[in-house]
Structure formats: structure tokens, C-alpha cells
Amino acid sequence: QPERQITAEIIREKALQYLQDEIPH
């Protein structure tokens, strides 16, 4: 996986962690 893709996924993971259930999808 390119570093850019892993970086984007890390940010999405943190959003999944902190946001309400209906938003992350």
C-alpha cells in the first residue's frame, strides 16, 4: 500500500473512532 493510502486510512480510522455511528460510513 502506498504511504498516501495508508495515511488516508489512518485519518478515516480516527474519524470512525470518535464520530457517531451514522456518520463514518
PDBML (XML) file of the C-alpha atoms, coordinates in Angstrom:
<?xml version="1.0" encoding="UTF-8" ?>
<PDBx:datablock datablockName="MODEL"
   xmlns:PDBx="http://pdbml.pdb.org/schema/pdbx-v50.xsd"
   xmlns:xsi="http://www.w3.org/2001/XMLSchema-instance"
   xsi:schemaLocation="http://pdbml.pdb.org/schema/pdbx-v50.xsd pdbx-v50.xsd">
   <PDBx:atom_siteCategory>
      <PDBx:atom_site id="1">
         <PDBx:B_iso_or_equiv>0.00</PDBx:B_iso_or_equiv>
         <PDBx:Cartn_x>0.000</PDBx:Cartn_x>
         <PDBx:Cartn_y>0.000</PDBx:Cartn_y>
         <PDBx:Cartn_z>0.000</PDBx:Cartn_z>
         <PDBx:auth_asym_id>A</PDBx:auth_asym_id>
         <PDBx:auth_atom_id>CA</PDBx:auth_atom_id>
         <PDBx:auth_comp_id>GLN</PDBx:auth_comp_id>
         <PDBx:auth_seq_id>1</PDBx:auth_seq_id>
         <PDBx:group_PDB>ATOM</PDBx:group_PDB>
         <PDBx:label_alt_id xsi:nil="true" />
         <PDBx:label_asym_id>A</PDBx:label_asym_id>
         <PDBx:label_atom_id>CA</PDBx:label_atom_id>
         <PDBx:label_comp_id>GLN</PDBx:label_comp_id>
         <PDBx:label_entity_id>1</PDBx:label_entity_id>
         <PDBx:label_seq_id>1</PDBx:label_seq_id>
         <PDBx:occupancy>1.00</PDBx:occupancy>
         <PDBx:pdbx_PDB_model_num>1</PDBx:pdbx_PDB_model_num>
         <PDBx:type_symbol>C</PDBx:type_symbol>
      </PDBx:atom_site>
      <PDBx:atom_site id="2">
         <PDBx:B_iso_or_equiv>0.00</PDBx:B_iso_or_equiv>
         <PDBx:Cartn_x>1.361</PDBx:Cartn_x>
         <PDBx:Cartn_y>3.496</PDBx:Cartn_y>
         <PDBx:Cartn_z>-0.860</PDBx:Cartn_z>
         <PDBx:auth_asym_id>A</PDBx:auth_asym_id>
         <PDBx:auth_atom_id>CA</PDBx:auth_atom_id>
         <PDBx:auth_comp_id>PRO</PDBx:auth_comp_id>
         <PDBx:auth_seq_id>2</PDBx:auth_seq_id>
         <PDBx:group_PDB>ATOM</PDBx:group_PDB>
         <PDBx:label_alt_id xsi:nil="true" />
         <PDBx:label_asym_id>A</PDBx:label_asym_id>
         <PDBx:label_atom_id>CA</PDBx:label_atom_id>
         <PDBx:label_comp_id>PRO</PDBx:label_comp_id>
         <PDBx:label_entity_id>1</PDBx:label_entity_id>
         <PDBx:label_seq_id>2</PDBx:label_seq_id>
         <PDBx:occupancy>1.00</PDBx:occupancy>
         <PDBx:pdbx_PDB_model_num>1</PDBx:pdbx_PDB_model_num>
         <PDBx:type_symbol>C</PDBx:type_symbol>
      </PDBx:atom_site>
      <PDBx:atom_site id="3">
         <PDBx:B_iso_or_equiv>0.00</PDBx:B_iso_or_equiv>
         <PDBx:Cartn_x>2.070</PDBx:Cartn_x>
         <PDBx:Cartn_y>5.819</PDBx:Cartn_y>
         <PDBx:Cartn_z>2.082</PDBx:Cartn_z>
         <PDBx:auth_asym_id>A</PDBx:auth_asym_id>
         <PDBx:auth_atom_id>CA</PDBx:auth_atom_id>
         <PDBx:auth_comp_id>GLU</PDBx:auth_comp_id>
         <PDBx:auth_seq_id>3</PDBx:auth_seq_id>
         <PDBx:group_PDB>ATOM</PDBx:group_PDB>
         <PDBx:label_alt_id xsi:nil="true" />
         <PDBx:label_asym_id>A</PDBx:label_asym_id>
         <PDBx:label_atom_id>CA</PDBx:label_atom_id>
         <PDBx:label_comp_id>GLU</PDBx:label_comp_id>
         <PDBx:label_entity_id>1</PDBx:label_entity_id>
         <PDBx:label_seq_id>3</PDBx:label_seq_id>
         <PDBx:occupancy>1.00</PDBx:occupancy>
         <PDBx:pdbx_PDB_model_num>1</PDBx:pdbx_PDB_model_num>
         <PDBx:type_symbol>C</PDBx:type_symbol>
      </PDBx:atom_site>
      <PDBx:atom_site id="4">
         <PDBx:B_iso_or_equiv>0.00</PDBx:B_iso_or_equiv>
         <PDBx:Cartn_x>-0.636</PDBx:Cartn_x>
         <PDBx:Cartn_y>8.205</PDBx:Cartn_y>
         <PDBx:Cartn_z>0.865</PDBx:Cartn_z>
         <PDBx:auth_asym_id>A</PDBx:auth_asym_id>
         <PDBx:auth_atom_id>CA</PDBx:auth_atom_id>
         <PDBx:auth_comp_id>ARG</PDBx:auth_comp_id>
         <PDBx:auth_seq_id>4</PDBx:auth_seq_id>
         <PDBx:group_PDB>ATOM</PDBx:group_PDB>
         <PDBx:label_alt_id xsi:nil="true" />
         <PDBx:label_asym_id>A</PDBx:label_asym_id>
         <PDBx:label_atom_id>CA</PDBx:label_atom_id>
         <PDBx:label_comp_id>ARG</PDBx:label_comp_id>
         <PDBx:label_entity_id>1</PDBx:label_entity_id>
         <PDBx:label_seq_id>4</PDBx:label_seq_id>
         <PDBx:occupancy>1.00</PDBx:occupancy>
         <PDBx:pdbx_PDB_model_num>1</PDBx:pdbx_PDB_model_num>
         <PDBx:type_symbol>C</PDBx:type_symbol>
      </PDBx:atom_site>
      <PDBx:atom_site id="5">
         <PDBx:B_iso_or_equiv>0.00</PDBx:B_iso_or_equiv>
         <PDBx:Cartn_x>-3.263</PDBx:Cartn_x>
         <PDBx:Cartn_y>5.479</PDBx:Cartn_y>
         <PDBx:Cartn_z>1.012</PDBx:Cartn_z>
         <PDBx:auth_asym_id>A</PDBx:auth_asym_id>
         <PDBx:auth_atom_id>CA</PDBx:auth_atom_id>
         <PDBx:auth_comp_id>GLN</PDBx:auth_comp_id>
         <PDBx:auth_seq_id>5</PDBx:auth_seq_id>
         <PDBx:group_PDB>ATOM</PDBx:group_PDB>
         <PDBx:label_alt_id xsi:nil="true" />
         <PDBx:label_asym_id>A</PDBx:label_asym_id>
         <PDBx:label_atom_id>CA</PDBx:label_atom_id>
         <PDBx:label_comp_id>GLN</PDBx:label_comp_id>
         <PDBx:label_entity_id>1</PDBx:label_entity_id>
         <PDBx:label_seq_id>5</PDBx:label_seq_id>
         <PDBx:occupancy>1.00</PDBx:occupancy>
         <PDBx:pdbx_PDB_model_num>1</PDBx:pdbx_PDB_model_num>
         <PDBx:type_symbol>C</PDBx:type_symbol>
      </PDBx:atom_site>
      <PDBx:atom_site id="6">
         <PDBx:B_iso_or_equiv>0.00</PDBx:B_iso_or_equiv>
         <PDBx:Cartn_x>-2.191</PDBx:Cartn_x>
         <PDBx:Cartn_y>4.317</PDBx:Cartn_y>
         <PDBx:Cartn_z>4.476</PDBx:Cartn_z>
         <PDBx:auth_asym_id>A</PDBx:auth_asym_id>
         <PDBx:auth_atom_id>CA</PDBx:auth_atom_id>
         <PDBx:auth_comp_id>ILE</PDBx:auth_comp_id>
         <PDBx:auth_seq_id>6</PDBx:auth_seq_id>
         <PDBx:group_PDB>ATOM</PDBx:group_PDB>
         <PDBx:label_alt_id xsi:nil="true" />
         <PDBx:label_asym_id>A</PDBx:label_asym_id>
         <PDBx:label_atom_id>CA</PDBx:label_atom_id>
         <PDBx:label_comp_id>ILE</PDBx:label_comp_id>
         <PDBx:label_entity_id>1</PDBx:label_entity_id>
         <PDBx:label_seq_id>6</PDBx:label_seq_id>
         <PDBx:occupancy>1.00</PDBx:occupancy>
         <PDBx:pdbx_PDB_model_num>1</PDBx:pdbx_PDB_model_num>
         <PDBx:type_symbol>C</PDBx:type_symbol>
      </PDBx:atom_site>
      <PDBx:atom_site id="7">
         <PDBx:B_iso_or_equiv>0.00</PDBx:B_iso_or_equiv>
         <PDBx:Cartn_x>-2.229</PDBx:Cartn_x>
         <PDBx:Cartn_y>7.938</PDBx:Cartn_y>
         <PDBx:Cartn_z>5.669</PDBx:Cartn_z>
         <PDBx:auth_asym_id>A</PDBx:auth_asym_id>
         <PDBx:auth_atom_id>CA</PDBx:auth_atom_id>
         <PDBx:auth_comp_id>THR</PDBx:auth_comp_id>
         <PDBx:auth_seq_id>7</PDBx:auth_seq_id>
         <PDBx:group_PDB>ATOM</PDBx:group_PDB>
         <PDBx:label_alt_id xsi:nil="true" />
         <PDBx:label_asym_id>A</PDBx:label_asym_id>
         <PDBx:label_atom_id>CA</PDBx:label_atom_id>
         <PDBx:label_comp_id>THR</PDBx:label_comp_id>
         <PDBx:label_entity_id>1</PDBx:label_entity_id>
         <PDBx:label_seq_id>7</PDBx:label_seq_id>
         <PDBx:occupancy>1.00</PDBx:occupancy>
         <PDBx:pdbx_PDB_model_num>1</PDBx:pdbx_PDB_model_num>
         <PDBx:type_symbol>C</PDBx:type_symbol>
      </PDBx:atom_site>
      <PDBx:atom_site id="8">
         <PDBx:B_iso_or_equiv>0.00</PDBx:B_iso_or_equiv>
         <PDBx:Cartn_x>-5.773</PDBx:Cartn_x>
         <PDBx:Cartn_y>8.451</PDBx:Cartn_y>
         <PDBx:Cartn_z>4.362</PDBx:Cartn_z>
         <PDBx:auth_asym_id>A</PDBx:auth_asym_id>
         <PDBx:auth_atom_id>CA</PDBx:auth_atom_id>
         <PDBx:auth_comp_id>ALA</PDBx:auth_comp_id>
         <PDBx:auth_seq_id>8</PDBx:auth_seq_id>
         <PDBx:group_PDB>ATOM</PDBx:group_PDB>
         <PDBx:label_alt_id xsi:nil="true" />
         <PDBx:label_asym_id>A</PDBx:label_asym_id>
         <PDBx:label_atom_id>CA</PDBx:label_atom_id>
         <PDBx:label_comp_id>ALA</PDBx:label_comp_id>
         <PDBx:label_entity_id>1</PDBx:label_entity_id>
         <PDBx:label_seq_id>8</PDBx:label_seq_id>
         <PDBx:occupancy>1.00</PDBx:occupancy>
         <PDBx:pdbx_PDB_model_num>1</PDBx:pdbx_PDB_model_num>
         <PDBx:type_symbol>C</PDBx:type_symbol>
      </PDBx:atom_site>
      <PDBx:atom_site id="9">
         <PDBx:B_iso_or_equiv>0.00</PDBx:B_iso_or_equiv>
         <PDBx:Cartn_x>-6.890</PDBx:Cartn_x>
         <PDBx:Cartn_y>5.254</PDBx:Cartn_y>
         <PDBx:Cartn_z>6.079</PDBx:Cartn_z>
         <PDBx:auth_asym_id>A</PDBx:auth_asym_id>
         <PDBx:auth_atom_id>CA</PDBx:auth_atom_id>
         <PDBx:auth_comp_id>GLU</PDBx:auth_comp_id>
         <PDBx:auth_seq_id>9</PDBx:auth_seq_id>
         <PDBx:group_PDB>ATOM</PDBx:group_PDB>
         <PDBx:label_alt_id xsi:nil="true" />
         <PDBx:label_asym_id>A</PDBx:label_asym_id>
         <PDBx:label_atom_id>CA</PDBx:label_atom_id>
         <PDBx:label_comp_id>GLU</PDBx:label_comp_id>
         <PDBx:label_entity_id>1</PDBx:label_entity_id>
         <PDBx:label_seq_id>9</PDBx:label_seq_id>
         <PDBx:occupancy>1.00</PDBx:occupancy>
         <PDBx:pdbx_PDB_model_num>1</PDBx:pdbx_PDB_model_num>
         <PDBx:type_symbol>C</PDBx:type_symbol>
      </PDBx:atom_site>
      <PDBx:atom_site id="10">
         <PDBx:B_iso_or_equiv>0.00</PDBx:B_iso_or_equiv>
         <PDBx:Cartn_x>-5.318</PDBx:Cartn_x>
         <PDBx:Cartn_y>6.312</PDBx:Cartn_y>
         <PDBx:Cartn_z>9.393</PDBx:Cartn_z>
         <PDBx:auth_asym_id>A</PDBx:auth_asym_id>
         <PDBx:auth_atom_id>CA</PDBx:auth_atom_id>
         <PDBx:auth_comp_id>ILE</PDBx:auth_comp_id>
         <PDBx:auth_seq_id>10</PDBx:auth_seq_id>
         <PDBx:group_PDB>ATOM</PDBx:group_PDB>
         <PDBx:label_alt_id xsi:nil="true" />
         <PDBx:label_asym_id>A</PDBx:label_asym_id>
         <PDBx:label_atom_id>CA</PDBx:label_atom_id>
         <PDBx:label_comp_id>ILE</PDBx:label_comp_id>
         <PDBx:label_entity_id>1</PDBx:label_entity_id>
         <PDBx:label_seq_id>10</PDBx:label_seq_id>
         <PDBx:occupancy>1.00</PDBx:occupancy>
         <PDBx:pdbx_PDB_model_num>1</PDBx:pdbx_PDB_model_num>
         <PDBx:type_symbol>C</PDBx:type_symbol>
      </PDBx:atom_site>
      <PDBx:atom_site id="11">
         <PDBx:B_iso_or_equiv>0.00</PDBx:B_iso_or_equiv>
         <PDBx:Cartn_x>-7.337</PDBx:Cartn_x>
         <PDBx:Cartn_y>9.530</PDBx:Cartn_y>
         <PDBx:Cartn_z>9.309</PDBx:Cartn_z>
         <PDBx:auth_asym_id>A</PDBx:auth_asym_id>
         <PDBx:auth_atom_id>CA</PDBx:auth_atom_id>
         <PDBx:auth_comp_id>ILE</PDBx:auth_comp_id>
         <PDBx:auth_seq_id>11</PDBx:auth_seq_id>
         <PDBx:group_PDB>ATOM</PDBx:group_PDB>
         <PDBx:label_alt_id xsi:nil="true" />
         <PDBx:label_asym_id>A</PDBx:label_asym_id>
         <PDBx:label_atom_id>CA</PDBx:label_atom_id>
         <PDBx:label_comp_id>ILE</PDBx:label_comp_id>
         <PDBx:label_entity_id>1</PDBx:label_entity_id>
         <PDBx:label_seq_id>11</PDBx:label_seq_id>
         <PDBx:occupancy>1.00</PDBx:occupancy>
         <PDBx:pdbx_PDB_model_num>1</PDBx:pdbx_PDB_model_num>
         <PDBx:type_symbol>C</PDBx:type_symbol>
      </PDBx:atom_site>
      <PDBx:atom_site id="12">
         <PDBx:B_iso_or_equiv>0.00</PDBx:B_iso_or_equiv>
         <PDBx:Cartn_x>-10.521</PDBx:Cartn_x>
         <PDBx:Cartn_y>7.620</PDBx:Cartn_y>
         <PDBx:Cartn_z>8.480</PDBx:Cartn_z>
         <PDBx:auth_asym_id>A</PDBx:auth_asym_id>
         <PDBx:auth_atom_id>CA</PDBx:auth_atom_id>
         <PDBx:auth_comp_id>ARG</PDBx:auth_comp_id>
         <PDBx:auth_seq_id>12</PDBx:auth_seq_id>
         <PDBx:group_PDB>ATOM</PDBx:group_PDB>
         <PDBx:label_alt_id xsi:nil="true" />
         <PDBx:label_asym_id>A</PDBx:label_asym_id>
         <PDBx:label_atom_id>CA</PDBx:label_atom_id>
         <PDBx:label_comp_id>ARG</PDBx:label_comp_id>
         <PDBx:label_entity_id>1</PDBx:label_entity_id>
         <PDBx:label_seq_id>12</PDBx:label_seq_id>
         <PDBx:occupancy>1.00</PDBx:occupancy>
         <PDBx:pdbx_PDB_model_num>1</PDBx:pdbx_PDB_model_num>
         <PDBx:type_symbol>C</PDBx:type_symbol>
      </PDBx:atom_site>
      <PDBx:atom_site id="13">
         <PDBx:B_iso_or_equiv>0.00</PDBx:B_iso_or_equiv>
         <PDBx:Cartn_x>-9.819</PDBx:Cartn_x>
         <PDBx:Cartn_y>5.235</PDBx:Cartn_y>
         <PDBx:Cartn_z>11.356</PDBx:Cartn_z>
         <PDBx:auth_asym_id>A</PDBx:auth_asym_id>
         <PDBx:auth_atom_id>CA</PDBx:auth_atom_id>
         <PDBx:auth_comp_id>GLU</PDBx:auth_comp_id>
         <PDBx:auth_seq_id>13</PDBx:auth_seq_id>
         <PDBx:group_PDB>ATOM</PDBx:group_PDB>
         <PDBx:label_alt_id xsi:nil="true" />
         <PDBx:label_asym_id>A</PDBx:label_asym_id>
         <PDBx:label_atom_id>CA</PDBx:label_atom_id>
         <PDBx:label_comp_id>GLU</PDBx:label_comp_id>
         <PDBx:label_entity_id>1</PDBx:label_entity_id>
         <PDBx:label_seq_id>13</PDBx:label_seq_id>
         <PDBx:occupancy>1.00</PDBx:occupancy>
         <PDBx:pdbx_PDB_model_num>1</PDBx:pdbx_PDB_model_num>
         <PDBx:type_symbol>C</PDBx:type_symbol>
      </PDBx:atom_site>
      <PDBx:atom_site id="14">
         <PDBx:B_iso_or_equiv>0.00</PDBx:B_iso_or_equiv>
         <PDBx:Cartn_x>-9.662</PDBx:Cartn_x>
         <PDBx:Cartn_y>8.128</PDBx:Cartn_y>
         <PDBx:Cartn_z>13.832</PDBx:Cartn_z>
         <PDBx:auth_asym_id>A</PDBx:auth_asym_id>
         <PDBx:auth_atom_id>CA</PDBx:auth_atom_id>
         <PDBx:auth_comp_id>LYS</PDBx:auth_comp_id>
         <PDBx:auth_seq_id>14</PDBx:auth_seq_id>
         <PDBx:group_PDB>ATOM</PDBx:group_PDB>
         <PDBx:label_alt_id xsi:nil="true" />
         <PDBx:label_asym_id>A</PDBx:label_asym_id>
         <PDBx:label_atom_id>CA</PDBx:label_atom_id>
         <PDBx:label_comp_id>LYS</PDBx:label_comp_id>
         <PDBx:label_entity_id>1</PDBx:label_entity_id>
         <PDBx:label_seq_id>14</PDBx:label_seq_id>
         <PDBx:occupancy>1.00</PDBx:occupancy>
         <PDBx:pdbx_PDB_model_num>1</PDBx:pdbx_PDB_model_num>
         <PDBx:type_symbol>C</PDBx:type_symbol>
      </PDBx:atom_site>
      <PDBx:atom_site id="15">
         <PDBx:B_iso_or_equiv>0.00</PDBx:B_iso_or_equiv>
         <PDBx:Cartn_x>-12.899</PDBx:Cartn_x>
         <PDBx:Cartn_y>9.525</PDBx:Cartn_y>
         <PDBx:Cartn_z>12.437</PDBx:Cartn_z>
         <PDBx:auth_asym_id>A</PDBx:auth_asym_id>
         <PDBx:auth_atom_id>CA</PDBx:auth_atom_id>
         <PDBx:auth_comp_id>ALA</PDBx:auth_comp_id>
         <PDBx:auth_seq_id>15</PDBx:auth_seq_id>
         <PDBx:group_PDB>ATOM</PDBx:group_PDB>
         <PDBx:label_alt_id xsi:nil="true" />
         <PDBx:label_asym_id>A</PDBx:label_asym_id>
         <PDBx:label_atom_id>CA</PDBx:label_atom_id>
         <PDBx:label_comp_id>ALA</PDBx:label_comp_id>
         <PDBx:label_entity_id>1</PDBx:label_entity_id>
         <PDBx:label_seq_id>15</PDBx:label_seq_id>
         <PDBx:occupancy>1.00</PDBx:occupancy>
         <PDBx:pdbx_PDB_model_num>1</PDBx:pdbx_PDB_model_num>
         <PDBx:type_symbol>C</PDBx:type_symbol>
      </PDBx:atom_site>
      <PDBx:atom_site id="16">
         <PDBx:B_iso_or_equiv>0.00</PDBx:B_iso_or_equiv>
         <PDBx:Cartn_x>-14.501</PDBx:Cartn_x>
         <PDBx:Cartn_y>6.100</PDBx:Cartn_y>
         <PDBx:Cartn_z>12.910</PDBx:Cartn_z>
         <PDBx:auth_asym_id>A</PDBx:auth_asym_id>
         <PDBx:auth_atom_id>CA</PDBx:auth_atom_id>
         <PDBx:auth_comp_id>LEU</PDBx:auth_comp_id>
         <PDBx:auth_seq_id>16</PDBx:auth_seq_id>
         <PDBx:group_PDB>ATOM</PDBx:group_PDB>
         <PDBx:label_alt_id xsi:nil="true" />
         <PDBx:label_asym_id>A</PDBx:label_asym_id>
         <PDBx:label_atom_id>CA</PDBx:label_atom_id>
         <PDBx:label_comp_id>LEU</PDBx:label_comp_id>
         <PDBx:label_entity_id>1</PDBx:label_entity_id>
         <PDBx:label_seq_id>16</PDBx:label_seq_id>
         <PDBx:occupancy>1.00</PDBx:occupancy>
         <PDBx:pdbx_PDB_model_num>1</PDBx:pdbx_PDB_model_num>
         <PDBx:type_symbol>C</PDBx:type_symbol>
      </PDBx:atom_site>
      <PDBx:atom_site id="17">
         <PDBx:B_iso_or_equiv>0.00</PDBx:B_iso_or_equiv>
         <PDBx:Cartn_x>-13.225</PDBx:Cartn_x>
         <PDBx:Cartn_y>6.088</PDBx:Cartn_y>
         <PDBx:Cartn_z>16.466</PDBx:Cartn_z>
         <PDBx:auth_asym_id>A</PDBx:auth_asym_id>
         <PDBx:auth_atom_id>CA</PDBx:auth_atom_id>
         <PDBx:auth_comp_id>GLN</PDBx:auth_comp_id>
         <PDBx:auth_seq_id>17</PDBx:auth_seq_id>
         <PDBx:group_PDB>ATOM</PDBx:group_PDB>
         <PDBx:label_alt_id xsi:nil="true" />
         <PDBx:label_asym_id>A</PDBx:label_asym_id>
         <PDBx:label_atom_id>CA</PDBx:label_atom_id>
         <PDBx:label_comp_id>GLN</PDBx:label_comp_id>
         <PDBx:label_entity_id>1</PDBx:label_entity_id>
         <PDBx:label_seq_id>17</PDBx:label_seq_id>
         <PDBx:occupancy>1.00</PDBx:occupancy>
         <PDBx:pdbx_PDB_model_num>1</PDBx:pdbx_PDB_model_num>
         <PDBx:type_symbol>C</PDBx:type_symbol>
      </PDBx:atom_site>
      <PDBx:atom_site id="18">
         <PDBx:B_iso_or_equiv>0.00</PDBx:B_iso_or_equiv>
         <PDBx:Cartn_x>-14.609</PDBx:Cartn_x>
         <PDBx:Cartn_y>9.467</PDBx:Cartn_y>
         <PDBx:Cartn_z>17.524</PDBx:Cartn_z>
         <PDBx:auth_asym_id>A</PDBx:auth_asym_id>
         <PDBx:auth_atom_id>CA</PDBx:auth_atom_id>
         <PDBx:auth_comp_id>TYR</PDBx:auth_comp_id>
         <PDBx:auth_seq_id>18</PDBx:auth_seq_id>
         <PDBx:group_PDB>ATOM</PDBx:group_PDB>
         <PDBx:label_alt_id xsi:nil="true" />
         <PDBx:label_asym_id>A</PDBx:label_asym_id>
         <PDBx:label_atom_id>CA</PDBx:label_atom_id>
         <PDBx:label_comp_id>TYR</PDBx:label_comp_id>
         <PDBx:label_entity_id>1</PDBx:label_entity_id>
         <PDBx:label_seq_id>18</PDBx:label_seq_id>
         <PDBx:occupancy>1.00</PDBx:occupancy>
         <PDBx:pdbx_PDB_model_num>1</PDBx:pdbx_PDB_model_num>
         <PDBx:type_symbol>C</PDBx:type_symbol>
      </PDBx:atom_site>
      <PDBx:atom_site id="19">
         <PDBx:B_iso_or_equiv>0.00</PDBx:B_iso_or_equiv>
         <PDBx:Cartn_x>-17.727</PDBx:Cartn_x>
         <PDBx:Cartn_y>10.100</PDBx:Cartn_y>
         <PDBx:Cartn_z>15.424</PDBx:Cartn_z>
         <PDBx:auth_asym_id>A</PDBx:auth_asym_id>
         <PDBx:auth_atom_id>CA</PDBx:auth_atom_id>
         <PDBx:auth_comp_id>LEU</PDBx:auth_comp_id>
         <PDBx:auth_seq_id>19</PDBx:auth_seq_id>
         <PDBx:group_PDB>ATOM</PDBx:group_PDB>
         <PDBx:label_alt_id xsi:nil="true" />
         <PDBx:label_asym_id>A</PDBx:label_asym_id>
         <PDBx:label_atom_id>CA</PDBx:label_atom_id>
         <PDBx:label_comp_id>LEU</PDBx:label_comp_id>
         <PDBx:label_entity_id>1</PDBx:label_entity_id>
         <PDBx:label_seq_id>19</PDBx:label_seq_id>
         <PDBx:occupancy>1.00</PDBx:occupancy>
         <PDBx:pdbx_PDB_model_num>1</PDBx:pdbx_PDB_model_num>
         <PDBx:type_symbol>C</PDBx:type_symbol>
      </PDBx:atom_site>
      <PDBx:atom_site id="20">
         <PDBx:B_iso_or_equiv>0.00</PDBx:B_iso_or_equiv>
         <PDBx:Cartn_x>-21.313</PDBx:Cartn_x>
         <PDBx:Cartn_y>8.945</PDBx:Cartn_y>
         <PDBx:Cartn_z>15.822</PDBx:Cartn_z>
         <PDBx:auth_asym_id>A</PDBx:auth_asym_id>
         <PDBx:auth_atom_id>CA</PDBx:auth_atom_id>
         <PDBx:auth_comp_id>GLN</PDBx:auth_comp_id>
         <PDBx:auth_seq_id>20</PDBx:auth_seq_id>
         <PDBx:group_PDB>ATOM</PDBx:group_PDB>
         <PDBx:label_alt_id xsi:nil="true" />
         <PDBx:label_asym_id>A</PDBx:label_asym_id>
         <PDBx:label_atom_id>CA</PDBx:label_atom_id>
         <PDBx:label_comp_id>GLN</PDBx:label_comp_id>
         <PDBx:label_entity_id>1</PDBx:label_entity_id>
         <PDBx:label_seq_id>20</PDBx:label_seq_id>
         <PDBx:occupancy>1.00</PDBx:occupancy>
         <PDBx:pdbx_PDB_model_num>1</PDBx:pdbx_PDB_model_num>
         <PDBx:type_symbol>C</PDBx:type_symbol>
      </PDBx:atom_site>
      <PDBx:atom_site id="21">
         <PDBx:B_iso_or_equiv>0.00</PDBx:B_iso_or_equiv>
         <PDBx:Cartn_x>-22.353</PDBx:Cartn_x>
         <PDBx:Cartn_y>5.648</PDBx:Cartn_y>
         <PDBx:Cartn_z>14.217</PDBx:Cartn_z>
         <PDBx:auth_asym_id>A</PDBx:auth_asym_id>
         <PDBx:auth_atom_id>CA</PDBx:auth_atom_id>
         <PDBx:auth_comp_id>ASP</PDBx:auth_comp_id>
         <PDBx:auth_seq_id>21</PDBx:auth_seq_id>
         <PDBx:group_PDB>ATOM</PDBx:group_PDB>
         <PDBx:label_alt_id xsi:nil="true" />
         <PDBx:label_asym_id>A</PDBx:label_asym_id>
         <PDBx:label_atom_id>CA</PDBx:label_atom_id>
         <PDBx:label_comp_id>ASP</PDBx:label_comp_id>
         <PDBx:label_entity_id>1</PDBx:label_entity_id>
         <PDBx:label_seq_id>21</PDBx:label_seq_id>
         <PDBx:occupancy>1.00</PDBx:occupancy>
         <PDBx:pdbx_PDB_model_num>1</PDBx:pdbx_PDB_model_num>
         <PDBx:type_symbol>C</PDBx:type_symbol>
      </PDBx:atom_site>
      <PDBx:atom_site id="22">
         <PDBx:B_iso_or_equiv>0.00</PDBx:B_iso_or_equiv>
         <PDBx:Cartn_x>-24.334</PDBx:Cartn_x>
         <PDBx:Cartn_y>7.118</PDBx:Cartn_y>
         <PDBx:Cartn_z>11.312</PDBx:Cartn_z>
         <PDBx:auth_asym_id>A</PDBx:auth_asym_id>
         <PDBx:auth_atom_id>CA</PDBx:auth_atom_id>
         <PDBx:auth_comp_id>GLU</PDBx:auth_comp_id>
         <PDBx:auth_seq_id>22</PDBx:auth_seq_id>
         <PDBx:group_PDB>ATOM</PDBx:group_PDB>
         <PDBx:label_alt_id xsi:nil="true" />
         <PDBx:label_asym_id>A</PDBx:label_asym_id>
         <PDBx:label_atom_id>CA</PDBx:label_atom_id>
         <PDBx:label_comp_id>GLU</PDBx:label_comp_id>
         <PDBx:label_entity_id>1</PDBx:label_entity_id>
         <PDBx:label_seq_id>22</PDBx:label_seq_id>
         <PDBx:occupancy>1.00</PDBx:occupancy>
         <PDBx:pdbx_PDB_model_num>1</PDBx:pdbx_PDB_model_num>
         <PDBx:type_symbol>C</PDBx:type_symbol>
      </PDBx:atom_site>
      <PDBx:atom_site id="23">
         <PDBx:B_iso_or_equiv>0.00</PDBx:B_iso_or_equiv>
         <PDBx:Cartn_x>-21.562</PDBx:Cartn_x>
         <PDBx:Cartn_y>9.419</PDBx:Cartn_y>
         <PDBx:Cartn_z>10.071</PDBx:Cartn_z>
         <PDBx:auth_asym_id>A</PDBx:auth_asym_id>
         <PDBx:auth_atom_id>CA</PDBx:auth_atom_id>
         <PDBx:auth_comp_id>ILE</PDBx:auth_comp_id>
         <PDBx:auth_seq_id>23</PDBx:auth_seq_id>
         <PDBx:group_PDB>ATOM</PDBx:group_PDB>
         <PDBx:label_alt_id xsi:nil="true" />
         <PDBx:label_asym_id>A</PDBx:label_asym_id>
         <PDBx:label_atom_id>CA</PDBx:label_atom_id>
         <PDBx:label_comp_id>ILE</PDBx:label_comp_id>
         <PDBx:label_entity_id>1</PDBx:label_entity_id>
         <PDBx:label_seq_id>23</PDBx:label_seq_id>
         <PDBx:occupancy>1.00</PDBx:occupancy>
         <PDBx:pdbx_PDB_model_num>1</PDBx:pdbx_PDB_model_num>
         <PDBx:type_symbol>C</PDBx:type_symbol>
      </PDBx:atom_site>
      <PDBx:atom_site id="24">
         <PDBx:B_iso_or_equiv>0.00</PDBx:B_iso_or_equiv>
         <PDBx:Cartn_x>-18.446</PDBx:Cartn_x>
         <PDBx:Cartn_y>7.273</PDBx:Cartn_y>
         <PDBx:Cartn_z>9.389</PDBx:Cartn_z>
         <PDBx:auth_asym_id>A</PDBx:auth_asym_id>
         <PDBx:auth_atom_id>CA</PDBx:auth_atom_id>
         <PDBx:auth_comp_id>PRO</PDBx:auth_comp_id>
         <PDBx:auth_seq_id>24</PDBx:auth_seq_id>
         <PDBx:group_PDB>ATOM</PDBx:group_PDB>
         <PDBx:label_alt_id xsi:nil="true" />
         <PDBx:label_asym_id>A</PDBx:label_asym_id>
         <PDBx:label_atom_id>CA</PDBx:label_atom_id>
         <PDBx:label_comp_id>PRO</PDBx:label_comp_id>
         <PDBx:label_entity_id>1</PDBx:label_entity_id>
         <PDBx:label_seq_id>24</PDBx:label_seq_id>
         <PDBx:occupancy>1.00</PDBx:occupancy>
         <PDBx:pdbx_PDB_model_num>1</PDBx:pdbx_PDB_model_num>
         <PDBx:type_symbol>C</PDBx:type_symbol>
      </PDBx:atom_site>
      <PDBx:atom_site id="25">
         <PDBx:B_iso_or_equiv>0.00</PDBx:B_iso_or_equiv>
         <PDBx:Cartn_x>-19.991</PDBx:Cartn_x>
         <PDBx:Cartn_y>5.224</PDBx:Cartn_y>
         <PDBx:Cartn_z>6.569</PDBx:Cartn_z>
         <PDBx:auth_asym_id>A</PDBx:auth_asym_id>
         <PDBx:auth_atom_id>CA</PDBx:auth_atom_id>
         <PDBx:auth_comp_id>HIS</PDBx:auth_comp_id>
         <PDBx:auth_seq_id>25</PDBx:auth_seq_id>
         <PDBx:group_PDB>ATOM</PDBx:group_PDB>
         <PDBx:label_alt_id xsi:nil="true" />
         <PDBx:label_asym_id>A</PDBx:label_asym_id>
         <PDBx:label_atom_id>CA</PDBx:label_atom_id>
         <PDBx:label_comp_id>HIS</PDBx:label_comp_id>
         <PDBx:label_entity_id>1</PDBx:label_entity_id>
         <PDBx:label_seq_id>25</PDBx:label_seq_id>
         <PDBx:occupancy>1.00</PDBx:occupancy>
         <PDBx:pdbx_PDB_model_num>1</PDBx:pdbx_PDB_model_num>
         <PDBx:type_symbol>C</PDBx:type_symbol>
      </PDBx:atom_site>
   </PDBx:atom_siteCategory>
</PDBx:datablock>
